[in-house]
Amino acid sequence: MLSPSSLLIGGTAAIIISSVGSVLNIITLYVLLSNKRLRRNPTTVLIIFLTASNLFYTAIALPMTGASMLNNRFFQHHPLLCQLLSFFFYWSFAALLFIEVALAVNRWAAVCTNKFRKLNQRKHTNKPF
């Protein structure tokens, strides 16, 4: 079991990181979604999904983690929130991993193969938004 001072520091850090991370992810989404030319690039679309997944984590899962650190009995009074936190945490983590794998494959193909360069041209790229 952690000491009360460690839980206070951890909970406060989680709330601060959640606030700053949410604001920065919203700004990033705004910048990427407001430029149509950027949205045509498949790598940018993956980064948009990565940012959205990260926003989901910083806006929902991280504040609930901080609340549970600041109040040890938080989930005893809210058992449904405990289950939702587990779902949101693992969902966002899995989404993050899959998107990072897709980005790694995208970057590998862009650097190491010529076929991908042809597919990545503007006439073959779908407009996702």
C-alpha atoms as a PDB file:
ATOM      1  CA  MET A   1       0.000   0.000   0.000  1.00  0.00           C
ATOM      2  CA  LEU A   2       1.246   3.454  -0.835  1.00  0.00           C
ATOM      3  CA  SER A   3       1.551   6.179   1.738  1.00  0.00           C
ATOM      4  CA  PRO A   4      -1.073   8.960   1.772  1.00  0.00           C
ATOM      5  CA  SER A   5       1.505  11.525   0.625  1.00  0.00           C
ATOM      6  CA  SER A   6       2.427   9.347  -2.382  1.00  0.00           C
ATOM      7  CA  LEU A   7      -1.231   8.982  -3.307  1.00  0.00           C
ATOM      8  CA  LEU A   8      -1.719  12.746  -3.005  1.00  0.00           C
ATOM      9  CA  ILE A   9       1.247  13.427  -5.276  1.00  0.00           C
ATOM     10  CA  GLY A  10       0.136  10.779  -7.772  1.00  0.00           C
ATOM     11  CA  GLY A  11      -3.473  11.975  -7.834  1.00  0.00           C
ATOM     12  CA  THR A  12      -2.452  15.603  -8.246  1.00  0.00           C
ATOM     13  CA  ALA A  13      -0.008  14.694 -11.028  1.00  0.00           C
ATOM     14  CA  ALA A  14      -2.712  12.656 -12.797  1.00  0.00           C
ATOM     15  CA  ILE A  15      -5.129  15.601 -12.695  1.00  0.00           C
ATOM     16  CA  ILE A  16      -2.494  18.051 -13.975  1.00  0.00           C
ATOM     17  CA  ILE A  17      -1.336  15.710 -16.755  1.00  0.00           C
ATOM     18  CA  SER A  18      -4.960  15.046 -17.665  1.00  0.00           C
ATOM     19  CA  SER A  19      -5.758  18.753 -17.940  1.00  0.00           C
ATOM     20  CA  VAL A  20      -2.678  19.675 -19.956  1.00  0.00           C
ATOM     21  CA  GLY A  21      -2.893  16.558 -22.137  1.00  0.00           C
ATOM     22  CA  SER A  22      -6.551  17.090 -22.947  1.00  0.00           C
ATOM     23  CA  VAL A  23      -5.983  20.709 -23.980  1.00  0.00           C
ATOM     24  CA  LEU A  24      -2.975  19.816 -26.141  1.00  0.00           C
ATOM     25  CA  ASN A  25      -4.796  16.900 -27.783  1.00  0.00           C
ATOM     26  CA  ILE A  26      -7.774  19.127 -28.585  1.00  0.00           C
ATOM     27  CA  ILE A  27      -5.442  21.717 -30.137  1.00  0.00           C
ATOM     28  CA  THR A  28      -3.707  19.002 -32.167  1.00  0.00           C
ATOM     29  CA  LEU A  29      -7.018  17.617 -33.407  1.00  0.00           C
ATOM     30  CA  TYR A  30      -8.194  21.102 -34.341  1.00  0.00           C
ATOM     31  CA  VAL A  31      -5.025  21.825 -36.330  1.00  0.00           C
ATOM     32  CA  LEU A  32      -5.045  18.481 -38.133  1.00  0.00           C
ATOM     33  CA  LEU A  33      -8.771  18.501 -38.895  1.00  0.00           C
ATOM     34  CA  SER A  34      -8.909  22.115 -40.055  1.00  0.00           C
ATOM     35  CA  ASN A  35      -6.408  21.616 -42.890  1.00  0.00           C
ATOM     36  CA  LYS A  36      -7.878  19.639 -45.803  1.00  0.00           C
ATOM     37  CA  ARG A  37      -4.510  19.142 -47.448  1.00  0.00           C
ATOM     38  CA  LEU A  38      -3.141  17.421 -44.340  1.00  0.00           C
ATOM     39  CA  ARG A  39      -6.134  15.099 -44.083  1.00  0.00           C
ATOM     40  CA  ARG A  40      -5.393  13.603 -47.511  1.00  0.00           C
ATOM     41  CA  ASN A  41      -2.181  12.032 -46.254  1.00  0.00           C
ATOM     42  CA  PRO A  42      -2.746   8.523 -44.813  1.00  0.00           C
ATOM     43  CA  THR A  43      -0.090   9.089 -42.132  1.00  0.00           C
ATOM     44  CA  THR A  44      -1.926  12.182 -40.919  1.00  0.00           C
ATOM     45  CA  VAL A  45      -5.162  10.206 -40.705  1.00  0.00           C
ATOM     46  CA  LEU A  46      -3.402   7.697 -38.445  1.00  0.00           C
ATOM     47  CA  ILE A  47      -2.052  10.542 -36.318  1.00  0.00           C
ATOM     48  CA  ILE A  48      -5.585  11.954 -36.037  1.00  0.00           C
ATOM     49  CA  PHE A  49      -6.806   8.581 -34.746  1.00  0.00           C
ATOM     50  CA  LEU A  50      -3.840   8.379 -32.368  1.00  0.00           C
ATOM     51  CA  THR A  51      -4.607  11.848 -31.016  1.00  0.00           C
ATOM     52  CA  ALA A  52      -8.304  11.001 -30.604  1.00  0.00           C
ATOM     53  CA  SER A  53      -7.430   7.832 -28.688  1.00  0.00           C
ATOM     54  CA  ASN A  54      -4.998   9.757 -26.509  1.00  0.00           C
ATOM     55  CA  LEU A  55      -7.643  12.428 -25.880  1.00  0.00           C
ATOM     56  CA  PHE A  56     -10.047   9.705 -24.779  1.00  0.00           C
ATOM     57  CA  TYR A  57      -7.447   8.490 -22.282  1.00  0.00           C
ATOM     58  CA  THR A  58      -6.489  11.929 -20.930  1.00  0.00           C
ATOM     59  CA  ALA A  59     -10.076  13.177 -20.707  1.00  0.00           C
ATOM     60  CA  ILE A  60     -11.749  10.084 -19.208  1.00  0.00           C
ATOM     61  CA  ALA A  61      -9.429   7.378 -17.865  1.00  0.00           C
ATOM     62  CA  LEU A  62      -6.690   9.525 -16.317  1.00  0.00           C
ATOM     63  CA  PRO A  63      -8.998  11.807 -14.270  1.00  0.00           C
ATOM     64  CA  MET A  64     -10.792   8.770 -12.839  1.00  0.00           C
ATOM     65  CA  THR A  65      -7.423   7.275 -11.909  1.00  0.00           C
ATOM     66  CA  GLY A  66      -6.477  10.535 -10.197  1.00  0.00           C
ATOM     67  CA  ALA A  67      -9.796  10.632  -8.360  1.00  0.00           C
ATOM     68  CA  SER A  68      -9.243   7.119  -7.057  1.00  0.00           C
ATOM     69  CA  MET A  69      -5.778   8.108  -5.813  1.00  0.00           C
ATOM     70  CA  LEU A  70      -7.069  11.195  -4.043  1.00  0.00           C
ATOM     71  CA  ASN A  71     -10.012   9.337  -2.489  1.00  0.00           C
ATOM     72  CA  ASN A  72      -9.234   5.709  -1.643  1.00  0.00           C
ATOM     73  CA  ARG A  73     -12.898   4.827  -1.253  1.00  0.00           C
ATOM     74  CA  PHE A  74     -13.964   6.431  -4.529  1.00  0.00           C
ATOM     75  CA  PHE A  75     -14.698   3.148  -6.294  1.00  0.00           C
ATOM     76  CA  GLN A  76     -16.345   1.606  -3.221  1.00  0.00           C
ATOM     77  CA  HIS A  77     -19.092   4.190  -3.567  1.00  0.00           C
ATOM     78  CA  HIS A  78     -19.141   3.990  -7.387  1.00  0.00           C
ATOM     79  CA  PRO A  79     -18.690   0.338  -8.487  1.00  0.00           C
ATOM     80  CA  LEU A  80     -19.955   1.058 -12.013  1.00  0.00           C
ATOM     81  CA  LEU A  81     -17.258   3.706 -12.446  1.00  0.00           C
ATOM     82  CA  CYS A  82     -14.671   1.126 -11.442  1.00  0.00           C
ATOM     83  CA  GLN A  83     -15.810  -1.145 -14.257  1.00  0.00           C
ATOM     84  CA  LEU A  84     -15.970   1.764 -16.700  1.00  0.00           C
ATOM     85  CA  LEU A  85     -12.451   2.856 -15.784  1.00  0.00           C
ATOM     86  CA  SER A  86     -11.138  -0.629 -16.498  1.00  0.00           C
ATOM     87  CA  PHE A  87     -12.956  -0.714 -19.835  1.00  0.00           C
ATOM     88  CA  PHE A  88     -11.845   2.780 -20.895  1.00  0.00           C
ATOM     89  CA  PHE A  89      -8.257   2.238 -19.789  1.00  0.00           C
ATOM     90  CA  TYR A  90      -7.775  -1.060 -21.618  1.00  0.00           C
ATOM     91  CA  TRP A  91      -9.765   0.065 -24.663  1.00  0.00           C
ATOM     92  CA  SER A  92      -7.676   3.207 -25.097  1.00  0.00           C
ATOM     93  CA  PHE A  93      -4.445   1.291 -24.478  1.00  0.00           C
ATOM     94  CA  ALA A  94      -5.347  -1.348 -27.079  1.00  0.00           C
ATOM     95  CA  ALA A  95      -6.388   1.322 -29.589  1.00  0.00           C
ATOM     96  CA  LEU A  96      -3.127   3.146 -28.970  1.00  0.00           C
ATOM     97  CA  LEU A  97      -1.111  -0.008 -29.615  1.00  0.00           C
ATOM     98  CA  PHE A  98      -2.964  -0.876 -32.828  1.00  0.00           C
ATOM     99  CA  ILE A  99      -2.617   2.649 -34.181  1.00  0.00           C
ATOM    100  CA  GLU A 100       1.101   2.688 -33.351  1.00  0.00           C
ATOM    101  CA  VAL A 101       1.524  -0.630 -35.197  1.00  0.00           C
ATOM    102  CA  ALA A 102      -0.316   0.838 -38.190  1.00  0.00           C
ATOM    103  CA  LEU A 103       1.951   3.906 -38.083  1.00  0.00           C
ATOM    104  CA  ALA A 104       5.053   1.707 -37.907  1.00  0.00           C
ATOM    105  CA  VAL A 105       3.912  -0.341 -40.915  1.00  0.00           C
ATOM    106  CA  ASN A 106       3.014   2.862 -42.765  1.00  0.00           C
ATOM    107  CA  ARG A 107       6.440   4.380 -42.115  1.00  0.00           C
ATOM    108  CA  TRP A 108       8.248   1.147 -42.966  1.00  0.00           C
ATOM    109  CA  ALA A 109       6.370   0.857 -46.243  1.00  0.00           C
ATOM    110  CA  ALA A 110       6.977   4.501 -47.103  1.00  0.00           C
ATOM    111  CA  VAL A 111      10.712   4.181 -46.529  1.00  0.00           C
ATOM    112  CA  CYS A 112      11.444   0.654 -47.714  1.00  0.00           C
ATOM    113  CA  THR A 113       9.086  -0.052 -50.615  1.00  0.00           C
ATOM    114  CA  ASN A 114       8.321   1.616 -53.910  1.00  0.00           C
ATOM    115  CA  LYS A 115       4.824   0.141 -54.240  1.00  0.00           C
ATOM    116  CA  PHE A 116       3.585   2.092 -51.248  1.00  0.00           C
ATOM    117  CA  ARG A 117       4.823   5.349 -52.719  1.00  0.00           C
ATOM    118  CA  LYS A 118       2.616   4.749 -55.748  1.00  0.00           C
ATOM    119  CA  LEU A 119      -0.396   3.952 -53.553  1.00  0.00           C
ATOM    120  CA  ASN A 120       0.275   6.988 -51.390  1.00  0.00           C
ATOM    121  CA  GLN A 121      -0.116   9.347 -54.328  1.00  0.00           C
ATOM    122  CA  ARG A 122      -3.023  11.738 -54.295  1.00  0.00           C
ATOM    123  CA  LYS A 123      -5.106   9.958 -56.957  1.00  0.00           C
ATOM    124  CA  HIS A 124      -5.102   6.699 -54.945  1.00  0.00           C
ATOM    125  CA  THR A 125      -5.786   8.246 -51.565  1.00  0.00           C
ATOM    126  CA  ASN A 126      -9.363   8.320 -50.313  1.00  0.00           C
ATOM    127  CA  LYS A 127     -10.696  11.434 -48.671  1.00  0.00           C
ATOM    128  CA  PRO A 128     -11.495  10.207 -45.157  1.00  0.00           C
ATOM    129  CA  PHE A 129     -13.342  13.313 -43.980  1.00  0.00           C
END
